[in-house]
Amino acid sequence: MVRSKNASPTWGDVKTALLDFDRAGIRGLVQDLYTASKDNQAFLHARLGLGHDQLQPFKASISKWISPDLMKGQSISASKAKKAIADYKKAIGRPDGMAELSIFYCEEAFGFLESCSMEDESYFAALIRMYGRSVEFVSRLPPAERTTYLERLDKLRSRGKNVGWAVEEEFNSLWYAAALDEHHGE
């Protein structure tokens, strides 16, 4: 098949090219993708249900970007931390995993904020948005699966008073809007 040299390849082009591969060729391609990056490995492990803790590589990425070691010159990137959650969603996206990763993001952010003084409005805004997403994910879980997550969300809410930037007020607003007090005792 002749492809235009000017147009960027699309998923349709990839699907067409894959038709030329046999089973061994596809396996080799997946192996090459697997060895190409840790992100690909985490994706495949999650998608295929491999390993005892499929969330660990996604948590490691969240920690690296939302709670970096500033003494080692590591930089903060809320967007890269959120990308780890988006990557998990693409790989498997289990509701309990989404709740776990979003709450973990908030916990790591608080650990970072409590260990250093930081006045970055975008960091606080990202934290508040992630707490809101956590509330949404937990609210969608079956009631029997919510208890531990609700306890962690409630602890995060109380930690909000220590960081300023109206974090506590925003967390309380999100908590009460979702009526989580009604579910917390279940």
N, C-alpha and C. Protein backbone atom coordinates (compact mmCIF):
# COMPACT_ATOMS: atom_id res chain seq x y z
N MET A 1 0.84 -1.17 0.00
CA MET A 1 0.00 0.00 0.00
C MET A 1 0.89 1.24 0.00
N VAL A 2 0.61 2.18 -0.86
CA VAL A 2 1.38 3.41 -0.96
C VAL A 2 0.72 4.45 -0.06
N ARG A 3 1.51 5.02 0.84
CA ARG A 3 1.00 6.04 1.74
C ARG A 3 1.60 7.39 1.36
N SER A 4 0.85 8.42 1.60
CA SER A 4 1.34 9.77 1.34
C SER A 4 2.49 10.08 2.28
N LYS A 5 3.54 10.65 1.77
CA LYS A 5 4.70 11.01 2.59
C LYS A 5 4.41 12.26 3.41
N ASN A 6 3.39 13.05 3.01
CA ASN A 6 3.09 14.29 3.71
C ASN A 6 2.16 14.09 4.89
N ALA A 7 1.28 13.13 4.82
CA ALA A 7 0.29 12.92 5.89
C ALA A 7 0.91 12.12 7.03
N SER A 8 0.54 12.49 8.23
CA SER A 8 0.98 11.72 9.39
C SER A 8 0.22 10.41 9.41
N PRO A 9 0.89 9.32 9.78
CA PRO A 9 0.19 8.03 9.85
C PRO A 9 -0.92 8.09 10.90
N THR A 10 -1.96 7.33 10.65
CA THR A 10 -3.11 7.27 11.56
C THR A 10 -3.24 5.85 12.10
N TRP A 11 -4.16 5.66 13.04
CA TRP A 11 -4.41 4.32 13.56
C TRP A 11 -4.88 3.41 12.42
N GLY A 12 -5.62 3.94 11.48
CA GLY A 12 -6.05 3.15 10.33
C GLY A 12 -4.86 2.62 9.54
N ASP A 13 -3.83 3.43 9.37
CA ASP A 13 -2.62 2.99 8.68
C ASP A 13 -1.93 1.87 9.45
N VAL A 14 -1.90 2.00 10.77
CA VAL A 14 -1.28 0.97 11.61
C VAL A 14 -2.05 -0.33 11.49
N LYS A 15 -3.39 -0.26 11.59
CA LYS A 15 -4.21 -1.48 11.47
C LYS A 15 -3.97 -2.18 10.13
N THR A 16 -3.87 -1.39 9.08
CA THR A 16 -3.63 -1.97 7.76
C THR A 16 -2.26 -2.64 7.71
N ALA A 17 -1.25 -2.00 8.26
CA ALA A 17 0.10 -2.57 8.27
C ALA A 17 0.14 -3.85 9.11
N LEU A 18 -0.63 -3.90 10.17
CA LEU A 18 -0.64 -5.09 11.03
C LEU A 18 -1.20 -6.33 10.33
N LEU A 19 -2.02 -6.10 9.31
CA LEU A 19 -2.58 -7.23 8.56
C LEU A 19 -1.48 -8.05 7.88
N ASP A 20 -0.32 -7.43 7.65
CA ASP A 20 0.79 -8.13 7.02
C ASP A 20 1.59 -8.99 7.99
N PHE A 21 1.31 -8.86 9.30
CA PHE A 21 2.04 -9.62 10.31
C PHE A 21 1.37 -10.96 10.58
N ASP A 22 2.20 -11.98 10.79
CA ASP A 22 1.66 -13.25 11.28
C ASP A 22 1.73 -13.23 12.81
N ARG A 23 1.32 -14.31 13.45
CA ARG A 23 1.28 -14.39 14.91
C ARG A 23 2.65 -14.10 15.54
N ALA A 24 3.70 -14.68 15.00
CA ALA A 24 5.05 -14.47 15.53
C ALA A 24 5.48 -13.01 15.33
N GLY A 25 5.08 -12.41 14.23
CA GLY A 25 5.41 -11.02 13.97
C GLY A 25 4.73 -10.08 14.95
N ILE A 26 3.47 -10.36 15.25
CA ILE A 26 2.73 -9.56 16.25
C ILE A 26 3.38 -9.71 17.62
N ARG A 27 3.73 -10.96 17.97
CA ARG A 27 4.38 -11.22 19.26
C ARG A 27 5.72 -10.46 19.34
N GLY A 28 6.48 -10.46 18.26
CA GLY A 28 7.74 -9.73 18.23
C GLY A 28 7.53 -8.23 18.37
N LEU A 29 6.50 -7.71 17.71
CA LEU A 29 6.19 -6.29 17.82
C LEU A 29 5.83 -5.92 19.25
N VAL A 30 4.99 -6.74 19.89
CA VAL A 30 4.60 -6.47 21.28
C VAL A 30 5.83 -6.56 22.18
N GLN A 31 6.71 -7.52 21.92
CA GLN A 31 7.94 -7.64 22.71
C GLN A 31 8.80 -6.39 22.56
N ASP A 32 8.91 -5.90 21.34
CA ASP A 32 9.69 -4.67 21.12
C ASP A 32 9.07 -3.48 21.85
N LEU A 33 7.75 -3.37 21.80
CA LEU A 33 7.08 -2.30 22.53
C LEU A 33 7.28 -2.45 24.04
N TYR A 34 7.24 -3.69 24.52
CA TYR A 34 7.44 -3.98 25.94
C TYR A 34 8.82 -3.53 26.41
N THR A 35 9.83 -3.82 25.63
CA THR A 35 11.19 -3.48 26.03
C THR A 35 11.52 -2.01 25.78
N ALA A 36 10.69 -1.31 25.01
CA ALA A 36 10.96 0.08 24.65
C ALA A 36 10.80 1.05 25.82
N SER A 37 9.89 0.75 26.76
CA SER A 37 9.70 1.70 27.86
C SER A 37 9.01 1.05 29.05
N LYS A 38 9.29 1.61 30.22
CA LYS A 38 8.64 1.15 31.45
C LYS A 38 7.14 1.44 31.41
N ASP A 39 6.75 2.52 30.74
CA ASP A 39 5.32 2.83 30.61
C ASP A 39 4.60 1.73 29.84
N ASN A 40 5.21 1.25 28.77
CA ASN A 40 4.62 0.16 28.00
C ASN A 40 4.52 -1.11 28.85
N GLN A 41 5.55 -1.37 29.65
CA GLN A 41 5.53 -2.55 30.52
C GLN A 41 4.38 -2.44 31.53
N ALA A 42 4.24 -1.27 32.16
CA ALA A 42 3.16 -1.07 33.13
C ALA A 42 1.80 -1.25 32.46
N PHE A 43 1.66 -0.71 31.26
CA PHE A 43 0.41 -0.85 30.51
C PHE A 43 0.08 -2.32 30.26
N LEU A 44 1.04 -3.05 29.75
CA LEU A 44 0.80 -4.47 29.44
C LEU A 44 0.55 -5.30 30.69
N HIS A 45 1.29 -5.03 31.76
CA HIS A 45 1.08 -5.76 33.00
C HIS A 45 -0.35 -5.53 33.50
N ALA A 46 -0.80 -4.28 33.48
CA ALA A 46 -2.15 -3.96 33.94
C ALA A 46 -3.20 -4.58 33.02
N ARG A 47 -3.03 -4.40 31.72
CA ARG A 47 -4.01 -4.91 30.76
C ARG A 47 -4.15 -6.43 30.84
N LEU A 48 -3.01 -7.11 31.04
CA LEU A 48 -3.01 -8.57 31.04
C LEU A 48 -3.16 -9.17 32.44
N GLY A 49 -3.28 -8.32 33.46
CA GLY A 49 -3.48 -8.80 34.82
C GLY A 49 -2.27 -9.52 35.39
N LEU A 50 -1.08 -9.02 35.07
CA LEU A 50 0.15 -9.68 35.50
C LEU A 50 0.76 -8.98 36.71
N GLY A 51 1.39 -9.76 37.56
CA GLY A 51 2.06 -9.21 38.74
C GLY A 51 1.12 -9.10 39.92
N HIS A 52 1.72 -8.96 41.09
CA HIS A 52 0.91 -8.91 42.31
C HIS A 52 0.38 -7.51 42.61
N ASP A 53 1.02 -6.47 42.11
CA ASP A 53 0.57 -5.09 42.34
C ASP A 53 0.64 -4.32 41.04
N GLN A 54 -0.44 -4.38 40.29
CA GLN A 54 -0.46 -3.72 38.99
C GLN A 54 -0.49 -2.20 39.09
N LEU A 55 -0.84 -1.67 40.26
CA LEU A 55 -0.88 -0.22 40.44
C LEU A 55 0.49 0.37 40.77
N GLN A 56 1.44 -0.45 41.21
CA GLN A 56 2.73 0.05 41.69
C GLN A 56 3.46 0.95 40.69
N PRO A 57 3.59 0.58 39.42
CA PRO A 57 4.31 1.47 38.51
C PRO A 57 3.60 2.81 38.29
N PHE A 58 2.28 2.80 38.35
CA PHE A 58 1.52 4.04 38.19
C PHE A 58 1.69 4.91 39.44
N LYS A 59 1.70 4.27 40.61
CA LYS A 59 1.94 5.02 41.85
C LYS A 59 3.35 5.60 41.87
N ALA A 60 4.31 4.84 41.40
CA ALA A 60 5.70 5.33 41.37
C ALA A 60 5.79 6.58 40.50
N SER A 61 5.10 6.57 39.38
CA SER A 61 5.11 7.73 38.49
C SER A 61 4.43 8.93 39.15
N ILE A 62 3.30 8.69 39.80
CA ILE A 62 2.61 9.77 40.51
C ILE A 62 3.54 10.37 41.56
N SER A 63 4.17 9.52 42.36
CA SER A 63 5.08 10.01 43.41
C SER A 63 6.22 10.82 42.83
N LYS A 64 6.78 10.31 41.75
CA LYS A 64 7.92 10.99 41.12
C LYS A 64 7.57 12.42 40.72
N TRP A 65 6.35 12.61 40.20
CA TRP A 65 6.00 13.91 39.64
C TRP A 65 5.25 14.83 40.60
N ILE A 66 4.48 14.28 41.54
CA ILE A 66 3.71 15.14 42.42
C ILE A 66 4.43 15.38 43.74
N SER A 67 5.39 14.51 44.07
CA SER A 67 6.13 14.64 45.32
C SER A 67 7.62 14.38 45.06
N PRO A 68 8.23 15.23 44.24
CA PRO A 68 9.62 14.99 43.84
C PRO A 68 10.62 15.29 44.96
N ASP A 69 11.82 14.79 44.79
CA ASP A 69 12.91 15.11 45.71
C ASP A 69 13.59 16.37 45.18
N LEU A 70 13.22 17.49 45.75
CA LEU A 70 13.75 18.77 45.28
C LEU A 70 15.25 18.90 45.52
N MET A 71 15.77 18.20 46.53
CA MET A 71 17.20 18.25 46.82
C MET A 71 18.01 17.59 45.71
N LYS A 72 17.38 16.70 44.96
CA LYS A 72 18.05 16.04 43.83
C LYS A 72 17.74 16.75 42.51
N GLY A 73 17.10 17.91 42.60
CA GLY A 73 16.81 18.68 41.41
C GLY A 73 15.63 18.15 40.59
N GLN A 74 14.83 17.27 41.18
CA GLN A 74 13.66 16.75 40.47
C GLN A 74 12.59 17.83 40.41
N SER A 75 11.88 17.87 39.31
CA SER A 75 10.86 18.91 39.15
C SER A 75 9.46 18.37 39.39
N ILE A 76 8.56 19.28 39.68
CA ILE A 76 7.15 18.97 39.93
C ILE A 76 6.42 19.03 38.59
N SER A 77 5.52 18.07 38.37
CA SER A 77 4.66 18.13 37.20
C SER A 77 3.34 17.44 37.51
N ALA A 78 2.34 18.25 37.85
CA ALA A 78 1.01 17.69 38.11
C ALA A 78 0.47 17.01 36.86
N SER A 79 0.77 17.56 35.69
CA SER A 79 0.24 16.97 34.45
C SER A 79 0.84 15.58 34.20
N LYS A 80 2.12 15.39 34.51
CA LYS A 80 2.73 14.06 34.32
C LYS A 80 2.22 13.09 35.37
N ALA A 81 1.94 13.57 36.58
CA ALA A 81 1.35 12.70 37.60
C ALA A 81 -0.05 12.27 37.18
N LYS A 82 -0.82 13.21 36.63
CA LYS A 82 -2.17 12.88 36.16
C LYS A 82 -2.11 11.94 34.95
N LYS A 83 -1.05 12.04 34.16
CA LYS A 83 -0.89 11.16 33.00
C LYS A 83 -0.78 9.70 33.44
N ALA A 84 -0.16 9.46 34.59
CA ALA A 84 -0.06 8.09 35.09
C ALA A 84 -1.45 7.51 35.33
N ILE A 85 -2.35 8.32 35.85
CA ILE A 85 -3.73 7.87 36.08
C ILE A 85 -4.44 7.65 34.74
N ALA A 86 -4.22 8.55 33.80
CA ALA A 86 -4.82 8.39 32.47
C ALA A 86 -4.27 7.14 31.78
N ASP A 87 -2.98 6.86 31.96
CA ASP A 87 -2.39 5.65 31.37
C ASP A 87 -3.01 4.39 31.97
N TYR A 88 -3.23 4.39 33.28
CA TYR A 88 -3.90 3.25 33.92
C TYR A 88 -5.31 3.09 33.37
N LYS A 89 -6.01 4.20 33.20
CA LYS A 89 -7.38 4.14 32.67
C LYS A 89 -7.39 3.50 31.29
N LYS A 90 -6.41 3.85 30.45
CA LYS A 90 -6.32 3.25 29.12
C LYS A 90 -5.98 1.77 29.19
N ALA A 91 -5.12 1.42 30.13
CA ALA A 91 -4.68 0.02 30.23
C ALA A 91 -5.80 -0.88 30.72
N ILE A 92 -6.48 -0.47 31.77
CA ILE A 92 -7.50 -1.34 32.36
C ILE A 92 -8.65 -0.54 32.95
N GLY A 93 -8.35 0.55 33.63
CA GLY A 93 -9.37 1.48 34.11
C GLY A 93 -10.38 0.92 35.10
N ARG A 94 -9.97 -0.05 35.92
CA ARG A 94 -10.90 -0.58 36.92
C ARG A 94 -11.31 0.54 37.87
N PRO A 95 -12.60 0.62 38.21
CA PRO A 95 -13.06 1.70 39.09
C PRO A 95 -12.32 1.77 40.43
N ASP A 96 -12.03 0.62 41.04
CA ASP A 96 -11.32 0.66 42.32
C ASP A 96 -9.88 1.14 42.13
N GLY A 97 -9.27 0.80 41.02
CA GLY A 97 -7.92 1.28 40.71
C GLY A 97 -7.90 2.78 40.46
N MET A 98 -8.94 3.28 39.79
CA MET A 98 -9.03 4.72 39.55
C MET A 98 -9.19 5.47 40.87
N ALA A 99 -10.02 4.93 41.76
CA ALA A 99 -10.20 5.54 43.09
C ALA A 99 -8.88 5.51 43.86
N GLU A 100 -8.21 4.37 43.84
CA GLU A 100 -6.95 4.23 44.57
C GLU A 100 -5.90 5.21 44.07
N LEU A 101 -5.72 5.28 42.76
CA LEU A 101 -4.68 6.16 42.21
C LEU A 101 -4.99 7.64 42.44
N SER A 102 -6.24 8.03 42.31
CA SER A 102 -6.57 9.44 42.51
C SER A 102 -6.42 9.85 43.98
N ILE A 103 -6.79 8.97 44.90
CA ILE A 103 -6.60 9.26 46.33
C ILE A 103 -5.11 9.25 46.66
N PHE A 104 -4.38 8.30 46.09
CA PHE A 104 -2.93 8.24 46.31
C PHE A 104 -2.27 9.55 45.85
N TYR A 105 -2.67 10.06 44.71
CA TYR A 105 -2.17 11.35 44.21
C TYR A 105 -2.34 12.41 45.28
N CYS A 106 -3.54 12.52 45.85
CA CYS A 106 -3.82 13.53 46.88
C CYS A 106 -2.96 13.30 48.12
N GLU A 107 -2.84 12.06 48.54
CA GLU A 107 -2.02 11.75 49.72
C GLU A 107 -0.56 12.12 49.49
N GLU A 108 -0.05 11.81 48.32
CA GLU A 108 1.34 12.17 48.00
C GLU A 108 1.51 13.68 47.93
N ALA A 109 0.54 14.37 47.37
CA ALA A 109 0.60 15.83 47.29
C ALA A 109 0.63 16.44 48.70
N PHE A 110 -0.20 15.92 49.59
CA PHE A 110 -0.19 16.43 50.96
C PHE A 110 1.13 16.14 51.65
N GLY A 111 1.67 14.95 51.45
CA GLY A 111 2.97 14.63 52.03
C GLY A 111 4.03 15.61 51.58
N PHE A 112 3.97 15.96 50.31
CA PHE A 112 4.93 16.93 49.75
C PHE A 112 4.71 18.32 50.36
N LEU A 113 3.45 18.75 50.40
CA LEU A 113 3.14 20.09 50.92
C LEU A 113 3.50 20.21 52.40
N GLU A 114 3.32 19.14 53.15
CA GLU A 114 3.62 19.15 54.58
C GLU A 114 5.12 19.10 54.85
N SER A 115 5.89 18.68 53.86
CA SER A 115 7.34 18.59 54.06
C SER A 115 8.10 19.82 53.57
N CYS A 116 7.44 20.65 52.79
CA CYS A 116 8.11 21.86 52.30
C CYS A 116 7.08 22.98 52.16
N SER A 117 7.57 24.17 52.13
CA SER A 117 6.70 25.32 51.97
C SER A 117 6.60 25.63 50.48
N MET A 118 5.38 25.65 49.98
CA MET A 118 5.21 25.92 48.56
C MET A 118 3.98 26.79 48.36
N GLU A 119 4.10 27.73 47.48
CA GLU A 119 3.01 28.66 47.18
C GLU A 119 2.76 28.67 45.68
N ASP A 120 2.32 27.54 45.15
CA ASP A 120 2.07 27.43 43.72
C ASP A 120 0.58 27.18 43.51
N GLU A 121 -0.12 28.22 43.06
CA GLU A 121 -1.57 28.14 42.92
C GLU A 121 -2.00 26.98 42.02
N SER A 122 -1.27 26.73 40.95
CA SER A 122 -1.65 25.66 40.03
C SER A 122 -1.53 24.28 40.70
N TYR A 123 -0.56 24.12 41.59
CA TYR A 123 -0.41 22.85 42.32
C TYR A 123 -1.63 22.62 43.21
N PHE A 124 -2.05 23.68 43.93
CA PHE A 124 -3.21 23.56 44.81
C PHE A 124 -4.48 23.32 43.99
N ALA A 125 -4.61 24.01 42.88
CA ALA A 125 -5.79 23.83 42.01
C ALA A 125 -5.85 22.40 41.48
N ALA A 126 -4.69 21.85 41.09
CA ALA A 126 -4.64 20.46 40.61
C ALA A 126 -5.01 19.49 41.73
N LEU A 127 -4.56 19.77 42.94
CA LEU A 127 -4.89 18.92 44.09
C LEU A 127 -6.40 18.94 44.34
N ILE A 128 -6.99 20.10 44.31
CA ILE A 128 -8.44 20.21 44.53
C ILE A 128 -9.21 19.48 43.43
N ARG A 129 -8.79 19.63 42.19
CA ARG A 129 -9.46 18.92 41.09
C ARG A 129 -9.32 17.40 41.25
N MET A 130 -8.15 16.94 41.68
CA MET A 130 -7.95 15.51 41.85
C MET A 130 -8.79 14.98 43.01
N TYR A 131 -8.92 15.76 44.07
CA TYR A 131 -9.78 15.34 45.17
C TYR A 131 -11.22 15.20 44.65
N GLY A 132 -11.65 16.14 43.83
CA GLY A 132 -12.99 16.06 43.23
C GLY A 132 -13.16 14.81 42.39
N ARG A 133 -12.14 14.47 41.63
CA ARG A 133 -12.19 13.23 40.82
C ARG A 133 -12.24 12.01 41.73
N SER A 134 -11.48 12.06 42.83
CA SER A 134 -11.48 10.95 43.79
C SER A 134 -12.88 10.74 44.35
N VAL A 135 -13.52 11.83 44.72
CA VAL A 135 -14.88 11.76 45.24
C VAL A 135 -15.80 11.11 44.21
N GLU A 136 -15.66 11.52 42.95
CA GLU A 136 -16.49 10.94 41.89
C GLU A 136 -16.24 9.44 41.73
N PHE A 137 -14.96 9.05 41.70
CA PHE A 137 -14.63 7.63 41.53
C PHE A 137 -15.19 6.80 42.68
N VAL A 138 -15.01 7.28 43.91
CA VAL A 138 -15.48 6.53 45.08
C VAL A 138 -17.01 6.47 45.09
N SER A 139 -17.66 7.54 44.71
CA SER A 139 -19.13 7.56 44.69
C SER A 139 -19.71 6.54 43.72
N ARG A 140 -18.95 6.20 42.69
CA ARG A 140 -19.42 5.23 41.68
C ARG A 140 -19.18 3.78 42.08
N LEU A 141 -18.39 3.57 43.14
CA LEU A 141 -18.12 2.20 43.59
C LEU A 141 -19.34 1.63 44.29
N PRO A 142 -19.48 0.30 44.26
CA PRO A 142 -20.55 -0.31 45.05
C PRO A 142 -20.36 0.05 46.53
N PRO A 143 -21.45 0.27 47.27
CA PRO A 143 -21.34 0.69 48.67
C PRO A 143 -20.41 -0.19 49.52
N ALA A 144 -20.38 -1.46 49.28
CA ALA A 144 -19.54 -2.37 50.07
C ALA A 144 -18.05 -2.11 49.87
N GLU A 145 -17.68 -1.47 48.77
CA GLU A 145 -16.27 -1.23 48.46
C GLU A 145 -15.80 0.18 48.85
N ARG A 146 -16.67 1.01 49.36
CA ARG A 146 -16.36 2.42 49.59
C ARG A 146 -15.66 2.73 50.91
N THR A 147 -15.87 1.92 51.94
CA THR A 147 -15.49 2.29 53.31
C THR A 147 -14.05 2.77 53.44
N THR A 148 -13.08 1.99 53.00
CA THR A 148 -11.68 2.37 53.15
C THR A 148 -11.37 3.65 52.39
N TYR A 149 -11.93 3.78 51.20
CA TYR A 149 -11.70 4.97 50.40
C TYR A 149 -12.32 6.20 51.06
N LEU A 150 -13.53 6.04 51.62
CA LEU A 150 -14.17 7.17 52.30
C LEU A 150 -13.37 7.62 53.51
N GLU A 151 -12.80 6.66 54.24
CA GLU A 151 -11.97 7.02 55.39
C GLU A 151 -10.75 7.82 54.95
N ARG A 152 -10.14 7.41 53.86
CA ARG A 152 -8.96 8.13 53.35
C ARG A 152 -9.34 9.52 52.84
N LEU A 153 -10.48 9.63 52.15
CA LEU A 153 -10.94 10.94 51.67
C LEU A 153 -11.23 11.86 52.85
N ASP A 154 -11.82 11.32 53.90
CA ASP A 154 -12.13 12.12 55.08
C ASP A 154 -10.84 12.61 55.75
N LYS A 155 -9.83 11.74 55.84
CA LYS A 155 -8.54 12.16 56.41
C LYS A 155 -7.90 13.26 55.57
N LEU A 156 -8.01 13.14 54.26
CA LEU A 156 -7.47 14.18 53.37
C LEU A 156 -8.18 15.50 53.62
N ARG A 157 -9.47 15.42 53.83
CA ARG A 157 -10.26 16.62 54.07
C ARG A 157 -9.76 17.35 55.31
N SER A 158 -9.46 16.59 56.36
CA SER A 158 -8.97 17.23 57.59
C SER A 158 -7.54 17.75 57.43
N ARG A 159 -6.74 17.11 56.58
CA ARG A 159 -5.37 17.60 56.33
C ARG A 159 -5.38 18.92 55.56
N GLY A 160 -6.47 19.20 54.87
CA GLY A 160 -6.58 20.41 54.07
C GLY A 160 -6.43 21.69 54.87
N LYS A 161 -6.78 21.65 56.15
CA LYS A 161 -6.70 22.88 56.95
C LYS A 161 -5.27 23.32 57.18
N ASN A 162 -4.31 22.43 56.99
CA ASN A 162 -2.91 22.74 57.27
C ASN A 162 -2.17 23.40 56.11
N VAL A 163 -2.79 23.47 54.94
CA VAL A 163 -2.03 23.93 53.77
C VAL A 163 -2.49 25.28 53.20
N GLY A 164 -3.62 25.79 53.65
CA GLY A 164 -4.08 27.08 53.14
C GLY A 164 -4.69 26.97 51.76
N TRP A 165 -4.71 28.09 51.05
CA TRP A 165 -5.24 28.19 49.69
C TRP A 165 -6.69 27.69 49.60
N ALA A 166 -7.42 27.77 50.72
CA ALA A 166 -8.83 27.36 50.77
C ALA A 166 -9.03 25.88 50.41
N VAL A 167 -7.98 25.10 50.57
CA VAL A 167 -8.08 23.67 50.24
C VAL A 167 -9.12 22.98 51.11
N GLU A 168 -9.10 23.25 52.41
CA GLU A 168 -10.06 22.61 53.31
C GLU A 168 -11.49 22.95 52.89
N GLU A 169 -11.76 24.21 52.60
CA GLU A 169 -13.10 24.63 52.21
C GLU A 169 -13.54 23.96 50.92
N GLU A 170 -12.64 23.89 49.95
CA GLU A 170 -12.96 23.25 48.68
C GLU A 170 -13.22 21.75 48.86
N PHE A 171 -12.38 21.10 49.66
CA PHE A 171 -12.57 19.67 49.92
C PHE A 171 -13.91 19.43 50.61
N ASN A 172 -14.22 20.26 51.61
CA ASN A 172 -15.50 20.11 52.31
C ASN A 172 -16.67 20.31 51.36
N SER A 173 -16.55 21.28 50.48
CA SER A 173 -17.60 21.54 49.50
C SER A 173 -17.82 20.32 48.60
N LEU A 174 -16.73 19.74 48.12
CA LEU A 174 -16.84 18.54 47.26
C LEU A 174 -17.40 17.35 48.04
N TRP A 175 -16.96 17.19 49.27
CA TRP A 175 -17.43 16.09 50.14
C TRP A 175 -18.94 16.18 50.37
N TYR A 176 -19.39 17.38 50.78
CA TYR A 176 -20.82 17.54 51.10
C TYR A 176 -21.68 17.52 49.85
N ALA A 177 -21.19 18.04 48.74
CA ALA A 177 -21.96 18.01 47.49
C ALA A 177 -22.21 16.58 47.04
N ALA A 178 -21.28 15.69 47.34
CA ALA A 178 -21.45 14.27 46.97
C ALA A 178 -22.20 13.49 48.05
N ALA A 179 -22.59 14.18 49.13
CA ALA A 179 -23.31 13.55 50.25
C ALA A 179 -22.54 12.37 50.81
N LEU A 180 -21.24 12.52 50.95
CA LEU A 180 -20.42 11.40 51.43
C LEU A 180 -20.62 11.11 52.90
N ASP A 181 -21.08 12.08 53.69
CA ASP A 181 -21.36 11.81 55.09
C ASP A 181 -22.44 10.74 55.23
N GLU A 182 -23.40 10.77 54.31
CA GLU A 182 -24.48 9.78 54.33
C GLU A 182 -23.97 8.37 54.05
N HIS A 183 -22.91 8.26 53.24
CA HIS A 183 -22.36 6.96 52.86
C HIS A 183 -21.26 6.51 53.80
N HIS A 184 -20.66 7.45 54.53
CA HIS A 184 -19.48 7.14 55.34
C HIS A 184 -19.80 6.14 56.45
N GLY A 185 -21.00 6.13 56.95
CA GLY A 185 -21.36 5.21 58.03
C GLY A 185 -21.76 3.83 57.55
N GLU A 186 -21.89 3.63 56.26
CA GLU A 186 -22.36 2.33 55.72
C GLU A 186 -21.34 1.23 55.90
